[in-house]
Amino acid sequence: MQPVEINNPAEIEIFLSNIELTGKGFTTDCLLADVFDAGLDYPDYLKAEGEDPNASYEGKSPAWAKYHMRQGKRVFMVYGEPGKERRTHFSETP
C-alpha cells in the first residue's frame, strides 16, 4: 500500500468512514466513529501507511496498517501489522 497523507478535514472524514478493521485487537466497522469517540470531531491531518490484510477500504482488502490522525493538540493512532494484535493510542499535548 502506498502511504496516504490528507490535510482536508472533509476528505479525512470520507476516507475514515470507508475503513473497516477486523482481526485481533482493536476492530471497527467504521474507523471514523472511533475517531469521533476519541474526541477528534474535526480531524485536520491523517497519515496512513503499511499494509494489513485484516483491514479494508471501501470493502477491498488489504488496506493500511497504521493510521495517525490529529486535530490540534489531540492525536489518535491505530497500529496494526500482520500477525500482531492491533492497538490504539491517544494523546493530548499541553
N, C-alpha and C. Protein backbone atom coordinates (compact mmCIF):
# COMPACT_ATOMS: atom_id res chain seq x y z
N MET A 1 0.84 -1.18 0.00
CA MET A 1 0.00 0.00 0.00
C MET A 1 0.89 1.25 0.00
N GLN A 2 0.52 2.18 -0.83
CA GLN A 2 1.21 3.46 -0.85
C GLN A 2 0.75 4.30 0.33
N PRO A 3 1.67 5.00 1.01
CA PRO A 3 1.27 5.87 2.12
C PRO A 3 0.31 6.96 1.61
N VAL A 4 -0.60 7.36 2.49
CA VAL A 4 -1.58 8.40 2.18
C VAL A 4 -1.46 9.48 3.23
N GLU A 5 -1.47 10.73 2.80
CA GLU A 5 -1.46 11.86 3.72
C GLU A 5 -2.53 12.84 3.26
N ILE A 6 -3.45 13.19 4.16
CA ILE A 6 -4.55 14.08 3.83
C ILE A 6 -4.63 15.19 4.87
N ASN A 7 -4.81 16.43 4.40
CA ASN A 7 -4.90 17.59 5.29
C ASN A 7 -6.26 18.28 5.23
N ASN A 8 -7.20 17.73 4.49
CA ASN A 8 -8.53 18.33 4.34
C ASN A 8 -9.51 17.58 5.24
N PRO A 9 -10.10 18.24 6.25
CA PRO A 9 -10.99 17.54 7.18
C PRO A 9 -12.15 16.81 6.50
N ALA A 10 -12.76 17.37 5.49
CA ALA A 10 -13.87 16.71 4.80
C ALA A 10 -13.40 15.44 4.11
N GLU A 11 -12.24 15.48 3.47
CA GLU A 11 -11.68 14.30 2.81
C GLU A 11 -11.28 13.23 3.83
N ILE A 12 -10.76 13.66 4.97
CA ILE A 12 -10.37 12.73 6.03
C ILE A 12 -11.61 11.97 6.53
N GLU A 13 -12.71 12.69 6.74
CA GLU A 13 -13.93 12.03 7.22
C GLU A 13 -14.43 10.99 6.22
N ILE A 14 -14.39 11.30 4.95
CA ILE A 14 -14.82 10.35 3.92
C ILE A 14 -13.89 9.13 3.93
N PHE A 15 -12.59 9.38 3.97
CA PHE A 15 -11.60 8.30 3.98
C PHE A 15 -11.84 7.37 5.17
N LEU A 16 -11.93 7.93 6.38
CA LEU A 16 -12.08 7.13 7.59
C LEU A 16 -13.41 6.37 7.63
N SER A 17 -14.44 6.93 7.02
CA SER A 17 -15.74 6.25 7.03
C SER A 17 -15.72 4.99 6.18
N ASN A 18 -14.71 4.83 5.34
CA ASN A 18 -14.58 3.66 4.47
C ASN A 18 -13.57 2.63 4.97
N ILE A 19 -13.02 2.84 6.17
CA ILE A 19 -12.03 1.91 6.74
C ILE A 19 -12.71 0.95 7.71
N GLU A 20 -12.51 -0.34 7.50
CA GLU A 20 -13.00 -1.37 8.41
C GLU A 20 -11.80 -2.20 8.86
N LEU A 21 -11.71 -2.44 10.17
CA LEU A 21 -10.60 -3.19 10.74
C LEU A 21 -11.12 -4.44 11.43
N THR A 22 -10.62 -5.60 11.02
CA THR A 22 -11.00 -6.87 11.63
C THR A 22 -9.73 -7.55 12.13
N GLY A 23 -9.87 -8.74 12.70
CA GLY A 23 -8.70 -9.48 13.18
C GLY A 23 -8.57 -9.41 14.68
N LYS A 24 -7.31 -9.39 15.16
CA LYS A 24 -7.02 -9.39 16.59
C LYS A 24 -6.86 -7.97 17.11
N GLY A 25 -7.24 -7.78 18.36
CA GLY A 25 -7.06 -6.49 19.00
C GLY A 25 -8.19 -5.52 18.62
N PHE A 26 -7.83 -4.28 18.42
CA PHE A 26 -8.79 -3.23 18.10
C PHE A 26 -9.44 -3.50 16.74
N THR A 27 -10.77 -3.55 16.71
CA THR A 27 -11.51 -3.74 15.47
C THR A 27 -12.61 -2.70 15.38
N THR A 28 -13.07 -2.44 14.16
CA THR A 28 -14.15 -1.48 13.97
C THR A 28 -14.80 -1.68 12.61
N ASP A 29 -16.08 -1.36 12.54
CA ASP A 29 -16.79 -1.38 11.26
C ASP A 29 -16.60 -0.07 10.52
N CYS A 30 -16.25 0.99 11.26
CA CYS A 30 -16.08 2.32 10.66
C CYS A 30 -15.10 3.10 11.54
N LEU A 31 -13.89 3.31 11.04
CA LEU A 31 -12.86 3.97 11.85
C LEU A 31 -13.26 5.40 12.22
N LEU A 32 -14.05 6.06 11.39
CA LEU A 32 -14.47 7.43 11.69
C LEU A 32 -15.21 7.51 13.02
N ALA A 33 -16.07 6.55 13.32
CA ALA A 33 -16.82 6.56 14.58
C ALA A 33 -15.87 6.49 15.77
N ASP A 34 -14.82 5.71 15.67
CA ASP A 34 -13.86 5.58 16.77
C ASP A 34 -13.01 6.84 16.92
N VAL A 35 -12.73 7.50 15.81
CA VAL A 35 -12.00 8.77 15.86
C VAL A 35 -12.85 9.81 16.59
N PHE A 36 -14.15 9.87 16.27
CA PHE A 36 -15.05 10.77 16.97
C PHE A 36 -15.11 10.43 18.46
N ASP A 37 -15.20 9.13 18.78
CA ASP A 37 -15.24 8.69 20.18
C ASP A 37 -13.97 9.08 20.94
N ALA A 38 -12.85 9.17 20.24
CA ALA A 38 -11.59 9.55 20.87
C ALA A 38 -11.50 11.06 21.11
N GLY A 39 -12.49 11.82 20.62
CA GLY A 39 -12.51 13.26 20.86
C GLY A 39 -12.05 14.11 19.69
N LEU A 40 -11.78 13.50 18.57
CA LEU A 40 -11.40 14.26 17.38
C LEU A 40 -12.66 14.43 16.53
N ASP A 41 -13.35 15.55 16.71
CA ASP A 41 -14.60 15.75 15.99
C ASP A 41 -14.40 16.43 14.64
N TYR A 42 -13.19 16.88 14.36
CA TYR A 42 -12.89 17.53 13.09
C TYR A 42 -11.39 17.34 12.79
N PRO A 43 -10.95 16.08 12.57
CA PRO A 43 -9.52 15.83 12.36
C PRO A 43 -9.00 16.60 11.15
N ASP A 44 -7.83 17.24 11.32
CA ASP A 44 -7.28 18.05 10.23
C ASP A 44 -6.00 17.47 9.62
N TYR A 45 -5.60 16.30 10.07
CA TYR A 45 -4.41 15.64 9.49
C TYR A 45 -4.59 14.13 9.61
N LEU A 46 -4.24 13.43 8.55
CA LEU A 46 -4.28 11.97 8.55
C LEU A 46 -3.09 11.45 7.76
N LYS A 47 -2.45 10.44 8.32
CA LYS A 47 -1.41 9.71 7.60
C LYS A 47 -1.70 8.22 7.78
N ALA A 48 -1.76 7.50 6.67
CA ALA A 48 -1.98 6.05 6.71
C ALA A 48 -0.84 5.40 5.94
N GLU A 49 -0.31 4.29 6.50
CA GLU A 49 0.81 3.62 5.86
C GLU A 49 0.84 2.15 6.23
N GLY A 50 1.68 1.40 5.57
CA GLY A 50 1.80 -0.02 5.82
C GLY A 50 0.71 -0.80 5.12
N GLU A 51 0.64 -2.10 5.39
CA GLU A 51 -0.37 -2.96 4.77
C GLU A 51 -0.85 -3.99 5.77
N ASP A 52 -2.16 -4.13 5.87
CA ASP A 52 -2.77 -5.08 6.79
C ASP A 52 -3.86 -5.85 6.06
N PRO A 53 -3.72 -7.17 5.94
CA PRO A 53 -4.73 -7.96 5.24
C PRO A 53 -6.06 -8.04 5.99
N ASN A 54 -6.07 -7.66 7.28
CA ASN A 54 -7.30 -7.66 8.06
C ASN A 54 -7.97 -6.28 8.08
N ALA A 55 -7.51 -5.39 7.25
CA ALA A 55 -8.10 -4.06 7.11
C ALA A 55 -8.64 -3.94 5.70
N SER A 56 -9.75 -3.20 5.56
CA SER A 56 -10.29 -2.99 4.22
C SER A 56 -10.69 -1.54 4.03
N TYR A 57 -10.62 -1.10 2.77
CA TYR A 57 -11.02 0.24 2.36
C TYR A 57 -12.04 0.08 1.26
N GLU A 58 -13.21 0.65 1.46
CA GLU A 58 -14.32 0.52 0.52
C GLU A 58 -14.63 -0.95 0.21
N GLY A 59 -14.50 -1.81 1.24
CA GLY A 59 -14.81 -3.22 1.11
C GLY A 59 -13.72 -4.06 0.47
N LYS A 60 -12.58 -3.44 0.13
CA LYS A 60 -11.49 -4.18 -0.52
C LYS A 60 -10.30 -4.28 0.43
N SER A 61 -9.76 -5.48 0.51
CA SER A 61 -8.62 -5.75 1.37
C SER A 61 -7.41 -6.09 0.49
N PRO A 62 -6.20 -5.77 0.90
CA PRO A 62 -5.80 -5.17 2.17
C PRO A 62 -5.97 -3.65 2.14
N ALA A 63 -5.84 -3.07 3.33
CA ALA A 63 -5.80 -1.62 3.47
C ALA A 63 -4.58 -1.28 4.33
N TRP A 64 -4.50 -0.08 4.76
CA TRP A 64 -3.32 0.37 5.51
C TRP A 64 -3.31 -0.23 6.91
N ALA A 65 -2.10 -0.31 7.48
CA ALA A 65 -1.92 -0.92 8.80
C ALA A 65 -1.84 0.11 9.92
N LYS A 66 -1.34 1.29 9.62
CA LYS A 66 -1.13 2.31 10.64
C LYS A 66 -1.85 3.58 10.24
N TYR A 67 -2.54 4.19 11.21
CA TYR A 67 -3.29 5.42 10.98
C TYR A 67 -2.91 6.42 12.06
N HIS A 68 -2.55 7.62 11.65
CA HIS A 68 -2.17 8.68 12.56
C HIS A 68 -3.10 9.86 12.24
N MET A 69 -3.98 10.21 13.19
CA MET A 69 -4.92 11.28 12.98
C MET A 69 -4.71 12.36 14.03
N ARG A 70 -4.86 13.62 13.60
CA ARG A 70 -4.58 14.72 14.52
C ARG A 70 -5.64 15.81 14.36
N GLN A 71 -5.96 16.44 15.47
CA GLN A 71 -6.79 17.64 15.49
C GLN A 71 -6.19 18.55 16.54
N GLY A 72 -5.55 19.61 16.11
CA GLY A 72 -4.89 20.49 17.06
C GLY A 72 -3.84 19.74 17.83
N LYS A 73 -4.00 19.70 19.15
CA LYS A 73 -3.04 19.02 20.02
C LYS A 73 -3.45 17.59 20.37
N ARG A 74 -4.59 17.13 19.84
CA ARG A 74 -5.05 15.77 20.09
C ARG A 74 -4.58 14.85 18.97
N VAL A 75 -4.09 13.68 19.36
CA VAL A 75 -3.59 12.70 18.40
C VAL A 75 -4.19 11.33 18.73
N PHE A 76 -4.71 10.67 17.71
CA PHE A 76 -5.24 9.31 17.85
C PHE A 76 -4.53 8.44 16.83
N MET A 77 -3.95 7.34 17.29
CA MET A 77 -3.18 6.47 16.42
C MET A 77 -3.71 5.04 16.51
N VAL A 78 -3.69 4.35 15.39
CA VAL A 78 -4.04 2.94 15.33
C VAL A 78 -2.85 2.23 14.71
N TYR A 79 -2.35 1.22 15.41
CA TYR A 79 -1.19 0.46 14.94
C TYR A 79 -1.59 -0.98 14.69
N GLY A 80 -1.32 -1.47 13.51
CA GLY A 80 -1.58 -2.86 13.21
C GLY A 80 -0.54 -3.38 12.23
N GLU A 81 -0.31 -4.66 12.26
CA GLU A 81 0.56 -5.31 11.28
C GLU A 81 0.21 -6.79 11.27
N PRO A 82 0.44 -7.44 10.16
CA PRO A 82 0.06 -8.85 10.05
C PRO A 82 0.65 -9.70 11.18
N GLY A 83 -0.18 -10.54 11.77
CA GLY A 83 0.27 -11.45 12.80
C GLY A 83 0.34 -10.88 14.20
N LYS A 84 0.06 -9.59 14.36
CA LYS A 84 0.11 -8.97 15.68
C LYS A 84 -1.24 -8.36 16.02
N GLU A 85 -1.48 -8.16 17.29
CA GLU A 85 -2.72 -7.57 17.75
C GLU A 85 -2.72 -6.07 17.50
N ARG A 86 -3.79 -5.57 16.90
CA ARG A 86 -3.90 -4.14 16.61
C ARG A 86 -4.18 -3.38 17.90
N ARG A 87 -3.58 -2.21 18.03
CA ARG A 87 -3.76 -1.40 19.23
C ARG A 87 -3.96 0.08 18.88
N THR A 88 -4.44 0.84 19.84
CA THR A 88 -4.65 2.28 19.64
C THR A 88 -3.88 3.06 20.69
N HIS A 89 -3.69 4.33 20.41
CA HIS A 89 -3.05 5.22 21.38
C HIS A 89 -3.64 6.61 21.17
N PHE A 90 -3.97 7.28 22.28
CA PHE A 90 -4.47 8.64 22.24
C PHE A 90 -3.58 9.50 23.11
N SER A 91 -3.27 10.70 22.64
CA SER A 91 -2.50 11.63 23.46
C SER A 91 -2.97 13.05 23.19
N GLU A 92 -2.77 13.90 24.17
CA GLU A 92 -3.10 15.30 24.03
C GLU A 92 -1.95 16.10 24.65
N THR A 93 -1.32 16.92 23.84
CA THR A 93 -0.20 17.70 24.32
C THR A 93 -0.71 19.00 24.96
N PRO A 94 -0.03 19.45 25.97
CA PRO A 94 -0.47 20.68 26.65
C PRO A 94 -0.28 21.92 25.80
